[in-house]
Amino acid sequence: MTAEEPRFHLVLLNPQIPNNTGNIGRTAAATGCMLHVIHPIGFDMSEKARRRAGLDYWHLVACREHESWDAFLDAEHPARLWLYTTKAARPHWEAEFRQGDYLLFGQETAGVPDWCHDWVDETYGPGQRITLPMDPRARSLNLSTVVCAAAYEGLRQLAMRRSGGP
């Protein structure tokens, strides 16, 4: 990772499943994104736990842990933020991503709490809540799958703008 601004900030609010966070860390490393993990979380992120889990690539992950939502906001002050949620109708390919945007994801079992939806609406506007469209009978996608799709859609858009595409 270079000293330049990360392509995107991948923000996990209270993740519960260590394998998902590990996969998301790999996505962050592969795409030049910064990973933010907001506590409380449902697992141990110590170096010993990462070694035991076989996360031999973790040294490539630019990761910041935050003690709480408020600590995250105090440290980061996101100018632009997109909330990925099943409680949105706007597909993520309609969002216009810019380098340095924060992409926020909730925990695997419950998504983000209602107060966070309200905060996003009040701070950035309801258009900042986006979703990956899918058959509603499927309920939801795996968190690491959604984060990967989000990161690569953002990269696609950045590449299109650099190449002079639409």
N, C-alpha and C. Protein backbone atom coordinates (compact mmCIF):
# COMPACT_ATOMS: atom_id res chain seq x y z
N MET A 1 0.85 -1.18 0.00
CA MET A 1 0.00 0.00 0.00
C MET A 1 0.89 1.24 0.00
N THR A 2 0.60 2.16 -0.87
CA THR A 2 1.40 3.39 -0.95
C THR A 2 0.85 4.41 0.03
N ALA A 3 1.56 5.53 0.14
CA ALA A 3 1.15 6.60 1.03
C ALA A 3 -0.03 7.38 0.47
N GLU A 4 -0.37 7.16 -0.79
CA GLU A 4 -1.50 7.89 -1.38
C GLU A 4 -2.81 7.42 -0.76
N GLU A 5 -3.84 8.21 -1.02
CA GLU A 5 -5.16 7.89 -0.48
C GLU A 5 -5.62 6.52 -0.98
N PRO A 6 -6.22 5.73 -0.08
CA PRO A 6 -6.72 4.42 -0.52
C PRO A 6 -7.80 4.59 -1.58
N ARG A 7 -7.94 3.59 -2.40
CA ARG A 7 -9.00 3.65 -3.41
C ARG A 7 -10.35 3.83 -2.74
N PHE A 8 -10.63 3.01 -1.73
CA PHE A 8 -11.86 3.12 -0.94
C PHE A 8 -11.55 2.73 0.49
N HIS A 9 -12.45 3.12 1.38
CA HIS A 9 -12.40 2.71 2.77
C HIS A 9 -13.54 1.72 2.97
N LEU A 10 -13.21 0.48 3.29
CA LEU A 10 -14.19 -0.56 3.52
C LEU A 10 -14.44 -0.62 5.03
N VAL A 11 -15.65 -0.26 5.45
CA VAL A 11 -15.96 -0.08 6.86
C VAL A 11 -16.90 -1.18 7.33
N LEU A 12 -16.45 -1.97 8.31
CA LEU A 12 -17.27 -3.04 8.88
C LEU A 12 -17.74 -2.61 10.26
N LEU A 13 -19.05 -2.47 10.42
CA LEU A 13 -19.63 -2.09 11.70
C LEU A 13 -20.00 -3.35 12.47
N ASN A 14 -19.23 -3.62 13.53
CA ASN A 14 -19.49 -4.75 14.44
C ASN A 14 -19.56 -6.10 13.74
N PRO A 15 -18.55 -6.47 12.94
CA PRO A 15 -18.59 -7.78 12.30
C PRO A 15 -18.56 -8.90 13.34
N GLN A 16 -19.18 -10.03 13.01
CA GLN A 16 -19.33 -11.14 13.95
C GLN A 16 -18.58 -12.41 13.54
N ILE A 17 -18.26 -12.54 12.26
CA ILE A 17 -17.70 -13.80 11.76
C ILE A 17 -16.27 -13.56 11.28
N PRO A 18 -15.29 -14.19 11.95
CA PRO A 18 -13.89 -13.92 11.61
C PRO A 18 -13.52 -14.28 10.17
N ASN A 19 -14.08 -15.35 9.62
CA ASN A 19 -13.74 -15.72 8.24
C ASN A 19 -14.17 -14.64 7.25
N ASN A 20 -15.31 -14.01 7.49
CA ASN A 20 -15.74 -12.93 6.61
C ASN A 20 -14.75 -11.76 6.68
N THR A 21 -14.36 -11.39 7.87
CA THR A 21 -13.42 -10.28 8.01
C THR A 21 -12.08 -10.63 7.38
N GLY A 22 -11.65 -11.88 7.51
CA GLY A 22 -10.43 -12.32 6.85
C GLY A 22 -10.53 -12.21 5.34
N ASN A 23 -11.64 -12.66 4.78
CA ASN A 23 -11.84 -12.55 3.32
C ASN A 23 -11.91 -11.10 2.88
N ILE A 24 -12.54 -10.26 3.68
CA ILE A 24 -12.64 -8.84 3.35
C ILE A 24 -11.26 -8.19 3.44
N GLY A 25 -10.45 -8.62 4.40
CA GLY A 25 -9.08 -8.13 4.48
C GLY A 25 -8.31 -8.47 3.22
N ARG A 26 -8.49 -9.68 2.71
CA ARG A 26 -7.82 -10.07 1.47
C ARG A 26 -8.30 -9.19 0.31
N THR A 27 -9.59 -8.91 0.25
CA THR A 27 -10.13 -8.02 -0.78
C THR A 27 -9.51 -6.63 -0.66
N ALA A 28 -9.41 -6.12 0.57
CA ALA A 28 -8.81 -4.80 0.78
C ALA A 28 -7.37 -4.78 0.29
N ALA A 29 -6.60 -5.81 0.62
CA ALA A 29 -5.20 -5.88 0.19
C ALA A 29 -5.09 -5.94 -1.33
N ALA A 30 -5.97 -6.72 -1.95
CA ALA A 30 -5.91 -6.92 -3.40
C ALA A 30 -6.36 -5.70 -4.19
N THR A 31 -7.15 -4.83 -3.58
CA THR A 31 -7.74 -3.71 -4.31
C THR A 31 -7.20 -2.34 -3.89
N GLY A 32 -6.26 -2.30 -2.97
CA GLY A 32 -5.72 -1.02 -2.53
C GLY A 32 -6.68 -0.22 -1.68
N CYS A 33 -7.52 -0.92 -0.91
CA CYS A 33 -8.49 -0.27 -0.04
C CYS A 33 -8.02 -0.34 1.41
N MET A 34 -8.50 0.58 2.20
CA MET A 34 -8.27 0.59 3.65
C MET A 34 -9.44 -0.12 4.30
N LEU A 35 -9.16 -1.02 5.23
CA LEU A 35 -10.19 -1.72 5.98
C LEU A 35 -10.33 -1.07 7.35
N HIS A 36 -11.57 -0.78 7.74
CA HIS A 36 -11.87 -0.25 9.06
C HIS A 36 -12.76 -1.26 9.76
N VAL A 37 -12.39 -1.65 10.96
CA VAL A 37 -13.18 -2.59 11.76
C VAL A 37 -13.62 -1.85 13.02
N ILE A 38 -14.93 -1.72 13.17
CA ILE A 38 -15.49 -0.97 14.30
C ILE A 38 -15.99 -1.95 15.36
N HIS A 39 -15.45 -1.80 16.56
CA HIS A 39 -15.81 -2.65 17.70
C HIS A 39 -17.12 -2.16 18.32
N PRO A 40 -17.82 -3.05 19.04
CA PRO A 40 -17.42 -4.40 19.40
C PRO A 40 -17.55 -5.36 18.22
N ILE A 41 -16.69 -6.39 18.23
CA ILE A 41 -16.73 -7.42 17.20
C ILE A 41 -16.87 -8.78 17.88
N GLY A 42 -17.21 -9.79 17.10
CA GLY A 42 -17.50 -11.10 17.66
C GLY A 42 -16.34 -12.07 17.67
N PHE A 43 -15.10 -11.59 17.61
CA PHE A 43 -13.95 -12.48 17.54
C PHE A 43 -12.70 -11.72 17.94
N ASP A 44 -11.60 -12.43 18.03
CA ASP A 44 -10.31 -11.89 18.43
C ASP A 44 -9.51 -11.51 17.18
N MET A 45 -8.98 -10.29 17.15
CA MET A 45 -8.17 -9.85 16.00
C MET A 45 -6.70 -9.74 16.36
N SER A 46 -6.29 -10.36 17.45
CA SER A 46 -4.88 -10.29 17.83
C SER A 46 -4.02 -10.99 16.78
N GLU A 47 -2.73 -10.68 16.83
CA GLU A 47 -1.80 -11.31 15.88
C GLU A 47 -1.80 -12.83 16.04
N LYS A 48 -1.87 -13.30 17.27
CA LYS A 48 -1.90 -14.74 17.53
C LYS A 48 -3.13 -15.39 16.89
N ALA A 49 -4.27 -14.74 17.03
CA ALA A 49 -5.51 -15.28 16.44
C ALA A 49 -5.42 -15.27 14.92
N ARG A 50 -4.81 -14.24 14.35
CA ARG A 50 -4.68 -14.18 12.88
C ARG A 50 -3.75 -15.29 12.39
N ARG A 51 -2.67 -15.53 13.09
CA ARG A 51 -1.75 -16.63 12.71
C ARG A 51 -2.48 -17.97 12.78
N ARG A 52 -3.22 -18.18 13.86
CA ARG A 52 -3.96 -19.43 14.04
C ARG A 52 -4.99 -19.62 12.92
N ALA A 53 -5.55 -18.54 12.43
CA ALA A 53 -6.56 -18.61 11.37
C ALA A 53 -5.92 -18.73 9.98
N GLY A 54 -4.60 -18.68 9.90
CA GLY A 54 -3.93 -18.82 8.61
C GLY A 54 -3.99 -17.58 7.75
N LEU A 55 -4.13 -16.42 8.38
CA LEU A 55 -4.19 -15.17 7.62
C LEU A 55 -2.77 -14.69 7.33
N ASP A 56 -2.04 -15.45 6.51
CA ASP A 56 -0.64 -15.16 6.23
C ASP A 56 -0.44 -13.92 5.37
N TYR A 57 -1.51 -13.36 4.85
CA TYR A 57 -1.44 -12.17 4.00
C TYR A 57 -1.77 -10.91 4.79
N TRP A 58 -2.08 -11.03 6.10
CA TRP A 58 -2.60 -9.89 6.86
C TRP A 58 -1.63 -8.71 6.89
N HIS A 59 -0.33 -8.98 6.75
CA HIS A 59 0.64 -7.88 6.73
C HIS A 59 0.44 -6.97 5.52
N LEU A 60 -0.30 -7.44 4.52
CA LEU A 60 -0.60 -6.64 3.33
C LEU A 60 -1.86 -5.79 3.50
N VAL A 61 -2.61 -6.04 4.57
CA VAL A 61 -3.89 -5.37 4.79
C VAL A 61 -3.67 -4.07 5.55
N ALA A 62 -4.13 -2.97 4.97
CA ALA A 62 -4.14 -1.69 5.67
C ALA A 62 -5.43 -1.69 6.50
N CYS A 63 -5.30 -1.89 7.80
CA CYS A 63 -6.48 -2.04 8.66
C CYS A 63 -6.38 -1.11 9.85
N ARG A 64 -7.47 -0.44 10.12
CA ARG A 64 -7.59 0.39 11.32
C ARG A 64 -8.75 -0.15 12.14
N GLU A 65 -8.50 -0.39 13.40
CA GLU A 65 -9.57 -0.79 14.31
C GLU A 65 -10.01 0.43 15.10
N HIS A 66 -11.31 0.52 15.33
CA HIS A 66 -11.90 1.64 16.06
C HIS A 66 -12.69 1.08 17.24
N GLU A 67 -12.52 1.68 18.41
CA GLU A 67 -13.17 1.18 19.62
C GLU A 67 -14.69 1.23 19.56
N SER A 68 -15.22 2.17 18.76
CA SER A 68 -16.67 2.37 18.71
C SER A 68 -17.01 3.17 17.45
N TRP A 69 -18.30 3.31 17.19
CA TRP A 69 -18.77 4.13 16.08
C TRP A 69 -18.30 5.57 16.26
N ASP A 70 -18.45 6.11 17.47
CA ASP A 70 -18.03 7.49 17.73
C ASP A 70 -16.52 7.66 17.53
N ALA A 71 -15.75 6.68 17.96
CA ALA A 71 -14.29 6.75 17.77
C ALA A 71 -13.95 6.73 16.28
N PHE A 72 -14.67 5.94 15.51
CA PHE A 72 -14.49 5.92 14.05
C PHE A 72 -14.75 7.30 13.47
N LEU A 73 -15.88 7.90 13.83
CA LEU A 73 -16.23 9.23 13.29
C LEU A 73 -15.21 10.28 13.71
N ASP A 74 -14.77 10.21 14.96
CA ASP A 74 -13.77 11.18 15.44
C ASP A 74 -12.46 11.06 14.68
N ALA A 75 -12.08 9.84 14.33
CA ALA A 75 -10.80 9.61 13.65
C ALA A 75 -10.87 9.86 12.15
N GLU A 76 -11.99 9.58 11.54
CA GLU A 76 -12.05 9.54 10.08
C GLU A 76 -12.76 10.72 9.42
N HIS A 77 -13.80 11.23 9.97
CA HIS A 77 -14.57 12.33 9.37
C HIS A 77 -14.88 12.07 7.88
N PRO A 78 -15.62 11.01 7.55
CA PRO A 78 -15.83 10.68 6.13
C PRO A 78 -16.60 11.78 5.38
N ALA A 79 -15.99 12.29 4.32
CA ALA A 79 -16.65 13.31 3.50
C ALA A 79 -17.76 12.69 2.65
N ARG A 80 -17.51 11.47 2.18
CA ARG A 80 -18.50 10.76 1.35
C ARG A 80 -18.61 9.33 1.86
N LEU A 81 -19.83 8.87 2.05
CA LEU A 81 -20.06 7.54 2.59
C LEU A 81 -21.27 6.92 1.92
N TRP A 82 -21.15 5.64 1.63
CA TRP A 82 -22.24 4.86 1.04
C TRP A 82 -22.56 3.71 1.98
N LEU A 83 -23.82 3.55 2.31
CA LEU A 83 -24.26 2.45 3.16
C LEU A 83 -24.84 1.34 2.29
N TYR A 84 -24.24 0.16 2.36
CA TYR A 84 -24.76 -1.01 1.68
C TYR A 84 -25.77 -1.68 2.60
N THR A 85 -26.99 -1.86 2.11
CA THR A 85 -28.05 -2.40 2.94
C THR A 85 -29.12 -3.08 2.09
N THR A 86 -29.77 -4.08 2.65
CA THR A 86 -30.91 -4.70 1.97
C THR A 86 -32.14 -3.79 2.08
N LYS A 87 -32.06 -2.74 2.91
CA LYS A 87 -33.18 -1.81 3.11
C LYS A 87 -33.04 -0.59 2.21
N ALA A 88 -32.63 -0.81 0.99
CA ALA A 88 -32.52 0.26 0.00
C ALA A 88 -33.02 -0.26 -1.33
N ALA A 89 -33.50 0.63 -2.16
CA ALA A 89 -33.98 0.24 -3.49
C ALA A 89 -32.97 0.61 -4.58
N ARG A 90 -32.07 1.54 -4.29
CA ARG A 90 -31.13 2.04 -5.30
C ARG A 90 -29.99 1.04 -5.49
N PRO A 91 -29.83 0.50 -6.71
CA PRO A 91 -28.73 -0.44 -6.95
C PRO A 91 -27.38 0.28 -6.91
N HIS A 92 -26.36 -0.45 -6.48
CA HIS A 92 -25.06 0.19 -6.26
C HIS A 92 -24.42 0.68 -7.55
N TRP A 93 -24.80 0.17 -8.70
CA TRP A 93 -24.20 0.67 -9.94
C TRP A 93 -24.74 2.04 -10.32
N GLU A 94 -25.79 2.52 -9.63
CA GLU A 94 -26.27 3.89 -9.84
C GLU A 94 -25.52 4.90 -9.00
N ALA A 95 -24.77 4.44 -8.02
CA ALA A 95 -23.95 5.33 -7.20
C ALA A 95 -22.74 5.77 -8.03
N GLU A 96 -22.30 6.99 -7.80
CA GLU A 96 -21.10 7.48 -8.48
C GLU A 96 -19.96 7.52 -7.47
N PHE A 97 -19.18 6.45 -7.47
CA PHE A 97 -18.10 6.31 -6.50
C PHE A 97 -16.92 7.18 -6.90
N ARG A 98 -16.24 7.70 -5.88
CA ARG A 98 -15.01 8.47 -6.07
C ARG A 98 -13.93 7.87 -5.18
N GLN A 99 -12.70 8.00 -5.63
CA GLN A 99 -11.59 7.52 -4.81
C GLN A 99 -11.67 8.15 -3.44
N GLY A 100 -11.46 7.31 -2.42
CA GLY A 100 -11.49 7.78 -1.04
C GLY A 100 -12.85 7.67 -0.37
N ASP A 101 -13.88 7.26 -1.11
CA ASP A 101 -15.21 7.09 -0.52
C ASP A 101 -15.17 6.00 0.55
N TYR A 102 -16.04 6.14 1.52
CA TYR A 102 -16.23 5.15 2.57
C TYR A 102 -17.43 4.29 2.21
N LEU A 103 -17.24 2.98 2.23
CA LEU A 103 -18.32 2.03 1.94
C LEU A 103 -18.60 1.29 3.24
N LEU A 104 -19.79 1.48 3.78
CA LEU A 104 -20.15 0.98 5.11
C LEU A 104 -21.01 -0.27 5.00
N PHE A 105 -20.66 -1.28 5.81
CA PHE A 105 -21.36 -2.56 5.82
C PHE A 105 -21.68 -2.94 7.25
N GLY A 106 -22.85 -3.49 7.46
CA GLY A 106 -23.27 -3.91 8.79
C GLY A 106 -22.86 -5.33 9.11
N GLN A 107 -23.21 -5.77 10.30
CA GLN A 107 -22.84 -7.11 10.72
C GLN A 107 -23.65 -8.16 9.98
N GLU A 108 -23.09 -9.34 9.93
CA GLU A 108 -23.64 -10.43 9.12
C GLU A 108 -25.07 -10.80 9.50
N THR A 109 -25.39 -10.79 10.77
CA THR A 109 -26.69 -11.29 11.22
C THR A 109 -27.80 -10.24 11.20
N ALA A 110 -27.45 -8.97 11.27
CA ALA A 110 -28.49 -7.95 11.42
C ALA A 110 -28.29 -6.71 10.55
N GLY A 111 -27.23 -6.62 9.79
CA GLY A 111 -26.97 -5.41 9.02
C GLY A 111 -26.60 -4.27 9.95
N VAL A 112 -26.92 -3.05 9.55
CA VAL A 112 -26.67 -1.90 10.44
C VAL A 112 -27.95 -1.58 11.18
N PRO A 113 -27.83 -1.07 12.40
CA PRO A 113 -29.04 -0.74 13.16
C PRO A 113 -29.78 0.44 12.56
N ASP A 114 -31.03 0.59 12.95
CA ASP A 114 -31.87 1.67 12.43
C ASP A 114 -31.25 3.04 12.67
N TRP A 115 -30.62 3.24 13.84
CA TRP A 115 -30.02 4.54 14.11
C TRP A 115 -28.96 4.90 13.07
N CYS A 116 -28.28 3.89 12.53
CA CYS A 116 -27.24 4.14 11.54
C CYS A 116 -27.88 4.52 10.19
N HIS A 117 -28.97 3.85 9.84
CA HIS A 117 -29.71 4.25 8.63
C HIS A 117 -30.12 5.72 8.76
N ASP A 118 -30.68 6.07 9.92
CA ASP A 118 -31.11 7.46 10.15
C ASP A 118 -29.93 8.42 10.06
N TRP A 119 -28.80 8.04 10.65
CA TRP A 119 -27.61 8.89 10.62
C TRP A 119 -27.14 9.12 9.18
N VAL A 120 -27.11 8.07 8.38
CA VAL A 120 -26.68 8.20 6.98
C VAL A 120 -27.64 9.14 6.24
N ASP A 121 -28.95 8.94 6.42
CA ASP A 121 -29.94 9.80 5.76
C ASP A 121 -29.75 11.26 6.15
N GLU A 122 -29.57 11.51 7.45
CA GLU A 122 -29.43 12.88 7.94
C GLU A 122 -28.11 13.52 7.53
N THR A 123 -27.05 12.74 7.49
CA THR A 123 -25.71 13.27 7.23
C THR A 123 -25.42 13.40 5.74
N TYR A 124 -25.82 12.40 4.96
CA TYR A 124 -25.46 12.36 3.54
C TYR A 124 -26.65 12.36 2.60
N GLY A 125 -27.83 12.05 3.11
CA GLY A 125 -29.03 11.96 2.28
C GLY A 125 -29.40 10.51 2.01
N PRO A 126 -30.70 10.24 1.80
CA PRO A 126 -31.16 8.86 1.60
C PRO A 126 -30.60 8.21 0.33
N GLY A 127 -30.11 8.99 -0.62
CA GLY A 127 -29.52 8.44 -1.83
C GLY A 127 -28.21 7.73 -1.58
N GLN A 128 -27.67 7.85 -0.36
CA GLN A 128 -26.40 7.20 -0.04
C GLN A 128 -26.59 5.78 0.49
N ARG A 129 -27.83 5.34 0.59
CA ARG A 129 -28.10 3.95 0.94
C ARG A 129 -28.31 3.19 -0.36
N ILE A 130 -27.49 2.16 -0.56
CA ILE A 130 -27.53 1.41 -1.81
C ILE A 130 -27.55 -0.09 -1.53
N THR A 131 -27.87 -0.86 -2.57
CA THR A 131 -28.00 -2.30 -2.39
C THR A 131 -27.49 -3.06 -3.60
N LEU A 132 -27.23 -4.33 -3.40
CA LEU A 132 -26.99 -5.25 -4.51
C LEU A 132 -28.33 -5.93 -4.78
N PRO A 133 -28.98 -5.63 -5.89
CA PRO A 133 -30.29 -6.23 -6.16
C PRO A 133 -30.19 -7.76 -6.24
N MET A 134 -31.21 -8.41 -5.71
CA MET A 134 -31.23 -9.87 -5.74
C MET A 134 -32.67 -10.35 -5.53
N ASP A 135 -32.89 -11.59 -5.77
CA ASP A 135 -34.19 -12.20 -5.50
C ASP A 135 -34.46 -12.11 -4.00
N PRO A 136 -35.56 -11.49 -3.58
CA PRO A 136 -35.82 -11.31 -2.15
C PRO A 136 -35.96 -12.61 -1.37
N ARG A 137 -36.24 -13.68 -2.05
CA ARG A 137 -36.35 -14.97 -1.36
C ARG A 137 -34.99 -15.42 -0.82
N ALA A 138 -33.91 -14.87 -1.37
CA ALA A 138 -32.56 -15.23 -0.91
C ALA A 138 -32.19 -14.51 0.39
N ARG A 139 -32.95 -13.54 0.80
CA ARG A 139 -32.79 -12.77 2.03
C ARG A 139 -31.59 -11.84 2.01
N SER A 140 -30.38 -12.38 1.82
CA SER A 140 -29.18 -11.54 1.79
C SER A 140 -28.03 -12.34 1.22
N LEU A 141 -26.97 -11.62 0.91
CA LEU A 141 -25.73 -12.24 0.44
C LEU A 141 -24.72 -12.28 1.58
N ASN A 142 -23.72 -13.10 1.45
CA ASN A 142 -22.64 -13.15 2.42
C ASN A 142 -21.92 -11.80 2.44
N LEU A 143 -21.57 -11.35 3.63
CA LEU A 143 -20.93 -10.04 3.78
C LEU A 143 -19.67 -9.91 2.94
N SER A 144 -18.82 -10.92 2.94
CA SER A 144 -17.57 -10.79 2.18
C SER A 144 -17.85 -10.73 0.68
N THR A 145 -18.91 -11.37 0.23
CA THR A 145 -19.30 -11.30 -1.19
C THR A 145 -19.74 -9.88 -1.55
N VAL A 146 -20.54 -9.28 -0.69
CA VAL A 146 -21.03 -7.92 -0.94
C VAL A 146 -19.87 -6.92 -0.95
N VAL A 147 -18.98 -7.03 0.01
CA VAL A 147 -17.84 -6.11 0.06
C VAL A 147 -16.98 -6.24 -1.19
N CYS A 148 -16.75 -7.46 -1.63
CA CYS A 148 -15.94 -7.67 -2.83
C CYS A 148 -16.64 -7.06 -4.06
N ALA A 149 -17.93 -7.31 -4.20
CA ALA A 149 -18.69 -6.73 -5.33
C ALA A 149 -18.64 -5.21 -5.28
N ALA A 150 -18.77 -4.64 -4.09
CA ALA A 150 -18.75 -3.19 -3.93
C ALA A 150 -17.39 -2.61 -4.33
N ALA A 151 -16.33 -3.22 -3.83
CA ALA A 151 -14.99 -2.73 -4.14
C ALA A 151 -14.72 -2.77 -5.64
N TYR A 152 -15.09 -3.85 -6.28
CA TYR A 152 -14.81 -3.97 -7.71
C TYR A 152 -15.72 -3.11 -8.57
N GLU A 153 -16.94 -2.85 -8.14
CA GLU A 153 -17.77 -1.88 -8.86
C GLU A 153 -17.14 -0.49 -8.76
N GLY A 154 -16.65 -0.15 -7.58
CA GLY A 154 -15.97 1.13 -7.42
C GLY A 154 -14.73 1.23 -8.29
N LEU A 155 -13.93 0.17 -8.31
CA LEU A 155 -12.73 0.16 -9.17
C LEU A 155 -13.10 0.27 -10.65
N ARG A 156 -14.17 -0.40 -11.04
CA ARG A 156 -14.63 -0.33 -12.43
C ARG A 156 -14.96 1.12 -12.79
N GLN A 157 -15.68 1.79 -11.91
CA GLN A 157 -16.04 3.18 -12.18
C GLN A 157 -14.81 4.08 -12.24
N LEU A 158 -13.87 3.90 -11.33
CA LEU A 158 -12.65 4.71 -11.36
C LEU A 158 -11.89 4.48 -12.67
N ALA A 159 -11.79 3.23 -13.11
CA ALA A 159 -11.09 2.91 -14.34
C ALA A 159 -11.79 3.51 -15.56
N MET A 160 -13.11 3.48 -15.56
CA MET A 160 -13.87 4.04 -16.68
C MET A 160 -13.63 5.55 -16.78
N ARG A 161 -13.60 6.23 -15.66
CA ARG A 161 -13.36 7.68 -15.68
C ARG A 161 -11.95 7.99 -16.16
N ARG A 162 -10.97 7.20 -15.70
CA ARG A 162 -9.58 7.42 -16.15
C ARG A 162 -9.42 7.21 -17.64
N SER A 163 -10.18 6.25 -18.18
CA SER A 163 -10.04 5.95 -19.59
C SER A 163 -10.93 6.82 -20.48
N GLY A 164 -11.67 7.72 -19.84
CA GLY A 164 -12.54 8.61 -20.62
C GLY A 164 -13.87 7.99 -20.99
N GLY A 165 -14.21 6.85 -20.37
CA GLY A 165 -15.48 6.19 -20.64
C GLY A 165 -16.64 6.95 -20.03
N PRO A 166 -17.85 6.43 -20.21
CA PRO A 166 -19.06 7.13 -19.72
C PRO A 166 -19.08 7.32 -18.22
